[in-house]
Amino acid sequence: AVSLFIRTDLDHYRANENKKKHIITQTDTFAIVKSKKEELIFQITSPSGAIVEYTTTGLKMGTVNSVWDDLWHQIGFQWNGDVGLLTAYIDGVAVPTELTKGAPFVGPLNIRETNSEFVIASSDAESANKSFAGQIDEVVIFSSTLSAEKWSKLSEIDSDINLNTLGMSDQNNDTKVWWRMGDSSEDTLASDA
């Protein structure tokens, strides 16, 4: 499972709203992208290298479910490789998606722990024009899928969320990485695009 918080810079967003913007990417594994149509695209790569995309519906600016509103929103997804099912989450709630590219596959998603393979707020270090404009916080890569209750708890950005409050632990290898993004922990990378 992958979870993070985003907050859009509305001035920059309005000037670039019809452009695709990468939020987080791990090379040859997954990406979360803002589409040109203001939806979220959850892109995963099968073990054979085929790209599969799932797209949300109903997130356009000005709609009730929009995440493009200068407020903090938790977004994420989890992959159930046993049945080939991606579930997307916004603010702790599962949201509908459409398969928009490729075909579902059965098997694991090979999310690696190597920091150098993650690119946050862009598709790669060279693509400033595809960069997400806003803030990103609390990027967590979990080792397994999460219950609906854990997704709900994880969406509470104002609370002191940690593995203990989620009923998880480092001893069980429940997370691969957790970047606090600006907190005073050792996990900090960067806080802004």
C-alpha atoms as a PDB file:
ATOM      1  CA  ALA A   1       0.000   0.000   0.000  1.00  0.00           C
ATOM      2  CA  VAL A   2       1.158   3.553  -0.753  1.00  0.00           C
ATOM      3  CA  SER A   3      -0.180   6.615   1.100  1.00  0.00           C
ATOM      4  CA  LEU A   4       0.715  10.308   1.082  1.00  0.00           C
ATOM      5  CA  PHE A   5      -0.801  13.722   1.664  1.00  0.00           C
ATOM      6  CA  ILE A   6      -1.005  16.414  -1.004  1.00  0.00           C
ATOM      7  CA  ARG A   7      -1.938  20.084  -0.936  1.00  0.00           C
ATOM      8  CA  THR A   8      -2.242  21.874  -4.253  1.00  0.00           C
ATOM      9  CA  ASP A   9      -0.814  25.345  -4.917  1.00  0.00           C
ATOM     10  CA  LEU A  10      -3.960  26.825  -6.505  1.00  0.00           C
ATOM     11  CA  ASP A  11      -2.272  29.721  -8.328  1.00  0.00           C
ATOM     12  CA  HIS A  12       0.172  27.409 -10.076  1.00  0.00           C
ATOM     13  CA  TYR A  13      -2.535  24.775 -10.547  1.00  0.00           C
ATOM     14  CA  ARG A  14      -4.900  27.139 -12.379  1.00  0.00           C
ATOM     15  CA  ALA A  15      -2.111  28.215 -14.724  1.00  0.00           C
ATOM     16  CA  ASN A  16      -1.302  24.566 -15.537  1.00  0.00           C
ATOM     17  CA  GLU A  17      -4.592  22.750 -14.947  1.00  0.00           C
ATOM     18  CA  ASN A  18      -4.708  21.002 -18.332  1.00  0.00           C
ATOM     19  CA  LYS A  19      -1.290  19.410 -17.894  1.00  0.00           C
ATOM     20  CA  LYS A  20      -0.340  16.000 -16.567  1.00  0.00           C
ATOM     21  CA  LYS A  21       1.593  16.327 -13.270  1.00  0.00           C
ATOM     22  CA  HIS A  22       3.464  13.532 -11.494  1.00  0.00           C
ATOM     23  CA  ILE A  23       2.985  13.311  -7.727  1.00  0.00           C
ATOM     24  CA  ILE A  24       5.147  10.281  -6.852  1.00  0.00           C
ATOM     25  CA  THR A  25       6.952   7.664  -8.940  1.00  0.00           C
ATOM     26  CA  GLN A  26       9.071   4.621  -8.332  1.00  0.00           C
ATOM     27  CA  THR A  27      10.917   3.663 -11.511  1.00  0.00           C
ATOM     28  CA  ASP A  28       9.335   0.653 -13.276  1.00  0.00           C
ATOM     29  CA  THR A  29       6.915  -0.005 -10.390  1.00  0.00           C
ATOM     30  CA  PHE A  30       4.226   2.631  -9.802  1.00  0.00           C
ATOM     31  CA  ALA A  31       3.240   6.262 -10.208  1.00  0.00           C
ATOM     32  CA  ILE A  32       0.458   8.526  -8.979  1.00  0.00           C
ATOM     33  CA  VAL A  33      -0.257  11.272 -11.503  1.00  0.00           C
ATOM     34  CA  LYS A  34      -2.734  14.161 -11.864  1.00  0.00           C
ATOM     35  CA  SER A  35      -4.297  13.717 -15.291  1.00  0.00           C
ATOM     36  CA  LYS A  36      -4.985  16.513 -17.779  1.00  0.00           C
ATOM     37  CA  LYS A  37      -8.668  16.054 -16.896  1.00  0.00           C
ATOM     38  CA  GLU A  38      -8.081  16.659 -13.149  1.00  0.00           C
ATOM     39  CA  GLU A  39      -8.389  13.012 -12.137  1.00  0.00           C
ATOM     40  CA  LEU A  40      -5.827  10.845 -10.371  1.00  0.00           C
ATOM     41  CA  ILE A  41      -4.102   8.127 -12.360  1.00  0.00           C
ATOM     42  CA  PHE A  42      -2.688   5.168 -10.436  1.00  0.00           C
ATOM     43  CA  GLN A  43      -0.147   3.551 -12.733  1.00  0.00           C
ATOM     44  CA  ILE A  44       1.420   0.177 -11.904  1.00  0.00           C
ATOM     45  CA  THR A  45       3.861  -2.043 -13.764  1.00  0.00           C
ATOM     46  CA  SER A  46       3.295  -5.793 -14.020  1.00  0.00           C
ATOM     47  CA  PRO A  47       6.143  -8.272 -13.480  1.00  0.00           C
ATOM     48  CA  SER A  48       6.346  -8.610 -17.286  1.00  0.00           C
ATOM     49  CA  GLY A  49       6.823  -4.823 -17.655  1.00  0.00           C
ATOM     50  CA  ALA A  50       3.308  -3.991 -18.939  1.00  0.00           C
ATOM     51  CA  ILE A  51       1.869  -0.704 -17.655  1.00  0.00           C
ATOM     52  CA  VAL A  52      -1.628  -0.784 -16.175  1.00  0.00           C
ATOM     53  CA  GLU A  53      -3.528   2.424 -15.342  1.00  0.00           C
ATOM     54  CA  TYR A  54      -6.548   3.005 -13.152  1.00  0.00           C
ATOM     55  CA  THR A  55      -8.184   6.451 -13.201  1.00  0.00           C
ATOM     56  CA  THR A  56     -10.511   8.026 -10.636  1.00  0.00           C
ATOM     57  CA  THR A  57     -13.686   9.844 -11.636  1.00  0.00           C
ATOM     58  CA  GLY A  58     -15.378  12.885 -10.122  1.00  0.00           C
ATOM     59  CA  LEU A  59     -12.349  14.780  -8.749  1.00  0.00           C
ATOM     60  CA  LYS A  60     -12.470  17.864 -10.986  1.00  0.00           C
ATOM     61  CA  MET A  61     -11.889  21.240  -9.340  1.00  0.00           C
ATOM     62  CA  GLY A  62     -15.098  22.614  -7.882  1.00  0.00           C
ATOM     63  CA  THR A  63     -16.734  19.195  -7.305  1.00  0.00           C
ATOM     64  CA  VAL A  64     -17.472  17.864  -3.823  1.00  0.00           C
ATOM     65  CA  ASN A  65     -14.735  15.207  -4.051  1.00  0.00           C
ATOM     66  CA  SER A  66     -12.044  17.442  -5.536  1.00  0.00           C
ATOM     67  CA  VAL A  67      -8.526  17.190  -4.137  1.00  0.00           C
ATOM     68  CA  TRP A  68      -7.438  20.328  -6.032  1.00  0.00           C
ATOM     69  CA  ASP A  69      -8.658  22.857  -3.452  1.00  0.00           C
ATOM     70  CA  ASP A  70      -5.658  24.122  -1.418  1.00  0.00           C
ATOM     71  CA  LEU A  71      -6.527  21.754   1.469  1.00  0.00           C
ATOM     72  CA  TRP A  72      -4.581  18.705   2.641  1.00  0.00           C
ATOM     73  CA  HIS A  73      -5.841  15.406   1.225  1.00  0.00           C
ATOM     74  CA  GLN A  74      -4.616  11.885   1.822  1.00  0.00           C
ATOM     75  CA  ILE A  75      -4.328   9.858  -1.385  1.00  0.00           C
ATOM     76  CA  GLY A  76      -3.105   6.350  -1.915  1.00  0.00           C
ATOM     77  CA  PHE A  77      -3.670   2.887  -3.288  1.00  0.00           C
ATOM     78  CA  GLN A  78      -3.144  -0.729  -2.502  1.00  0.00           C
ATOM     79  CA  TRP A  79      -2.602  -3.680  -4.782  1.00  0.00           C
ATOM     80  CA  ASN A  80      -4.090  -7.076  -4.042  1.00  0.00           C
ATOM     81  CA  GLY A  81      -1.905  -9.298  -6.222  1.00  0.00           C
ATOM     82  CA  ASP A  82      -3.834 -12.438  -5.272  1.00  0.00           C
ATOM     83  CA  VAL A  83      -6.832 -11.289  -7.306  1.00  0.00           C
ATOM     84  CA  GLY A  84      -5.305  -8.485  -9.433  1.00  0.00           C
ATOM     85  CA  LEU A  85      -7.221  -5.612  -7.836  1.00  0.00           C
ATOM     86  CA  LEU A  86      -6.134  -1.989  -7.281  1.00  0.00           C
ATOM     87  CA  THR A  87      -8.107   0.013  -4.717  1.00  0.00           C
ATOM     88  CA  ALA A  88      -7.617   3.788  -4.638  1.00  0.00           C
ATOM     89  CA  TYR A  89      -8.168   5.867  -1.491  1.00  0.00           C
ATOM     90  CA  ILE A  90      -8.854   9.553  -0.940  1.00  0.00           C
ATOM     91  CA  ASP A  91      -9.090  10.915   2.588  1.00  0.00           C
ATOM     92  CA  GLY A  92      -9.270   7.385   4.001  1.00  0.00           C
ATOM     93  CA  VAL A  93     -12.163   6.212   1.817  1.00  0.00           C
ATOM     94  CA  ALA A  94     -12.030   3.800  -1.129  1.00  0.00           C
ATOM     95  CA  VAL A  95     -12.990   5.600  -4.346  1.00  0.00           C
ATOM     96  CA  PRO A  96     -14.132   4.196  -7.698  1.00  0.00           C
ATOM     97  CA  THR A  97     -11.594   3.821 -10.487  1.00  0.00           C
ATOM     98  CA  GLU A  98     -11.744   2.759 -14.122  1.00  0.00           C
ATOM     99  CA  LEU A  99      -9.183   0.580 -15.834  1.00  0.00           C
ATOM    100  CA  THR A 100      -7.957   2.997 -18.534  1.00  0.00           C
ATOM    101  CA  LYS A 101      -4.844   1.242 -19.876  1.00  0.00           C
ATOM    102  CA  GLY A 102      -3.565  -2.314 -19.977  1.00  0.00           C
ATOM    103  CA  ALA A 103      -5.023  -5.392 -18.311  1.00  0.00           C
ATOM    104  CA  PRO A 104      -5.108  -6.408 -14.649  1.00  0.00           C
ATOM    105  CA  PHE A 105      -2.588  -9.041 -13.629  1.00  0.00           C
ATOM    106  CA  VAL A 106      -2.249 -11.474 -10.775  1.00  0.00           C
ATOM    107  CA  GLY A 107       1.013 -11.190  -8.902  1.00  0.00           C
ATOM    108  CA  PRO A 108       2.974  -8.887  -6.643  1.00  0.00           C
ATOM    109  CA  LEU A 109       3.843  -5.250  -7.159  1.00  0.00           C
ATOM    110  CA  ASN A 110       7.589  -5.053  -6.598  1.00  0.00           C
ATOM    111  CA  ILE A 111       7.868  -1.848  -4.541  1.00  0.00           C
ATOM    112  CA  ARG A 112      11.485  -1.562  -3.474  1.00  0.00           C
ATOM    113  CA  GLU A 113      12.935   0.171  -0.440  1.00  0.00           C
ATOM    114  CA  THR A 114      15.723   1.974  -2.291  1.00  0.00           C
ATOM    115  CA  ASN A 115      15.291   5.748  -1.869  1.00  0.00           C
ATOM    116  CA  SER A 116      17.131   6.531  -5.096  1.00  0.00           C
ATOM    117  CA  GLU A 117      14.370   4.905  -7.155  1.00  0.00           C
ATOM    118  CA  PHE A 118      11.640   7.183  -5.742  1.00  0.00           C
ATOM    119  CA  VAL A 119      10.912  10.537  -7.341  1.00  0.00           C
ATOM    120  CA  ILE A 120       8.547  12.764  -5.406  1.00  0.00           C
ATOM    121  CA  ALA A 121       6.660  15.601  -7.149  1.00  0.00           C
ATOM    122  CA  SER A 122       7.961  14.698 -10.615  1.00  0.00           C
ATOM    123  CA  SER A 123       8.296  11.821 -13.080  1.00  0.00           C
ATOM    124  CA  ASP A 124      12.079  12.102 -13.033  1.00  0.00           C
ATOM    125  CA  ALA A 125      14.773  14.542 -12.027  1.00  0.00           C
ATOM    126  CA  GLU A 126      14.828  16.078 -15.512  1.00  0.00           C
ATOM    127  CA  SER A 127      11.102  16.856 -15.928  1.00  0.00           C
ATOM    128  CA  ALA A 128      10.363  20.123 -14.153  1.00  0.00           C
ATOM    129  CA  ASN A 129       7.447  20.789 -16.541  1.00  0.00           C
ATOM    130  CA  LYS A 130       5.700  17.644 -15.237  1.00  0.00           C
ATOM    131  CA  SER A 131       6.246  18.480 -11.561  1.00  0.00           C
ATOM    132  CA  PHE A 132       3.381  18.578  -9.083  1.00  0.00           C
ATOM    133  CA  ALA A 133       2.826  22.116  -7.786  1.00  0.00           C
ATOM    134  CA  GLY A 134       2.098  21.993  -4.101  1.00  0.00           C
ATOM    135  CA  GLN A 135       3.165  20.259  -0.926  1.00  0.00           C
ATOM    136  CA  ILE A 136       3.574  16.563  -0.160  1.00  0.00           C
ATOM    137  CA  ASP A 137       3.738  15.089   3.329  1.00  0.00           C
ATOM    138  CA  GLU A 138       3.792  11.737   5.161  1.00  0.00           C
ATOM    139  CA  VAL A 139       4.766   9.430   2.283  1.00  0.00           C
ATOM    140  CA  VAL A 140       4.381   5.840   3.505  1.00  0.00           C
ATOM    141  CA  ILE A 141       5.039   2.618   1.640  1.00  0.00           C
ATOM    142  CA  PHE A 142       3.512  -0.325   3.507  1.00  0.00           C
ATOM    143  CA  SER A 143       4.574  -3.954   3.108  1.00  0.00           C
ATOM    144  CA  SER A 144       1.003  -5.205   2.737  1.00  0.00           C
ATOM    145  CA  THR A 145      -2.578  -4.103   2.183  1.00  0.00           C
ATOM    146  CA  LEU A 146      -4.402  -2.158   4.914  1.00  0.00           C
ATOM    147  CA  SER A 147      -7.867  -2.544   6.409  1.00  0.00           C
ATOM    148  CA  ALA A 148     -10.530   0.134   5.848  1.00  0.00           C
ATOM    149  CA  GLU A 149     -10.070   1.160   9.501  1.00  0.00           C
ATOM    150  CA  LYS A 150      -6.312   1.710   9.015  1.00  0.00           C
ATOM    151  CA  TRP A 151      -6.908   3.772   5.842  1.00  0.00           C
ATOM    152  CA  SER A 152      -9.348   5.915   7.813  1.00  0.00           C
ATOM    153  CA  LYS A 153      -6.867   6.451  10.683  1.00  0.00           C
ATOM    154  CA  LEU A 154      -4.072   7.173   8.218  1.00  0.00           C
ATOM    155  CA  SER A 155      -6.118  10.001   6.654  1.00  0.00           C
ATOM    156  CA  GLU A 156      -6.109  12.058   9.882  1.00  0.00           C
ATOM    157  CA  ILE A 157      -3.191  14.399   9.117  1.00  0.00           C
ATOM    158  CA  ASP A 158      -3.680  16.497  12.251  1.00  0.00           C
ATOM    159  CA  SER A 159      -3.264  13.537  14.585  1.00  0.00           C
ATOM    160  CA  ASP A 160      -0.015  11.952  15.672  1.00  0.00           C
ATOM    161  CA  ILE A 161      -0.132   8.989  13.293  1.00  0.00           C
ATOM    162  CA  ASN A 162       2.535   6.354  13.714  1.00  0.00           C
ATOM    163  CA  LEU A 163       2.798   2.588  13.460  1.00  0.00           C
ATOM    164  CA  ASN A 164       1.519   2.095  17.009  1.00  0.00           C
ATOM    165  CA  THR A 165      -1.666   4.111  16.401  1.00  0.00           C
ATOM    166  CA  LEU A 166      -2.253   1.969  13.302  1.00  0.00           C
ATOM    167  CA  GLY A 167      -1.730  -1.242  15.284  1.00  0.00           C
ATOM    168  CA  MET A 168       1.466  -2.013  13.370  1.00  0.00           C
ATOM    169  CA  SER A 169       5.164  -2.193  14.212  1.00  0.00           C
ATOM    170  CA  ASP A 170       8.661  -2.082  12.748  1.00  0.00           C
ATOM    171  CA  GLN A 171       9.299  -5.500  14.263  1.00  0.00           C
ATOM    172  CA  ASN A 172       6.682  -6.983  11.931  1.00  0.00           C
ATOM    173  CA  ASN A 173       8.198  -5.174   8.914  1.00  0.00           C
ATOM    174  CA  ASP A 174       4.843  -3.448   8.322  1.00  0.00           C
ATOM    175  CA  THR A 175       6.408  -0.525   6.431  1.00  0.00           C
ATOM    176  CA  LYS A 176       9.072  -0.339   3.783  1.00  0.00           C
ATOM    177  CA  VAL A 177       9.582   3.440   4.113  1.00  0.00           C
ATOM    178  CA  TRP A 178       7.919   6.357   5.903  1.00  0.00           C
ATOM    179  CA  TRP A 179       9.079   9.825   4.922  1.00  0.00           C
ATOM    180  CA  ARG A 180       7.777  12.461   7.335  1.00  0.00           C
ATOM    181  CA  MET A 181       8.721  15.314   4.964  1.00  0.00           C
ATOM    182  CA  GLY A 182       9.759  18.179   7.172  1.00  0.00           C
ATOM    183  CA  ASP A 183       9.159  16.701  10.614  1.00  0.00           C
ATOM    184  CA  SER A 184      12.214  16.336  12.812  1.00  0.00           C
ATOM    185  CA  SER A 185      12.555  12.597  12.220  1.00  0.00           C
ATOM    186  CA  GLU A 186      15.350  10.835  10.364  1.00  0.00           C
ATOM    187  CA  ASP A 187      12.993   9.958   7.503  1.00  0.00           C
ATOM    188  CA  THR A 188      12.806  13.489   6.086  1.00  0.00           C
ATOM    189  CA  LEU A 189      13.486  14.102   2.401  1.00  0.00           C
ATOM    190  CA  ALA A 190      11.835  17.269   1.072  1.00  0.00           C
ATOM    191  CA  SER A 191       8.575  19.102   1.656  1.00  0.00           C
ATOM    192  CA  ASP A 192       7.831  21.068  -1.471  1.00  0.00           C
ATOM    193  CA  ALA A 193       7.733  20.791  -5.237  1.00  0.00           C
END
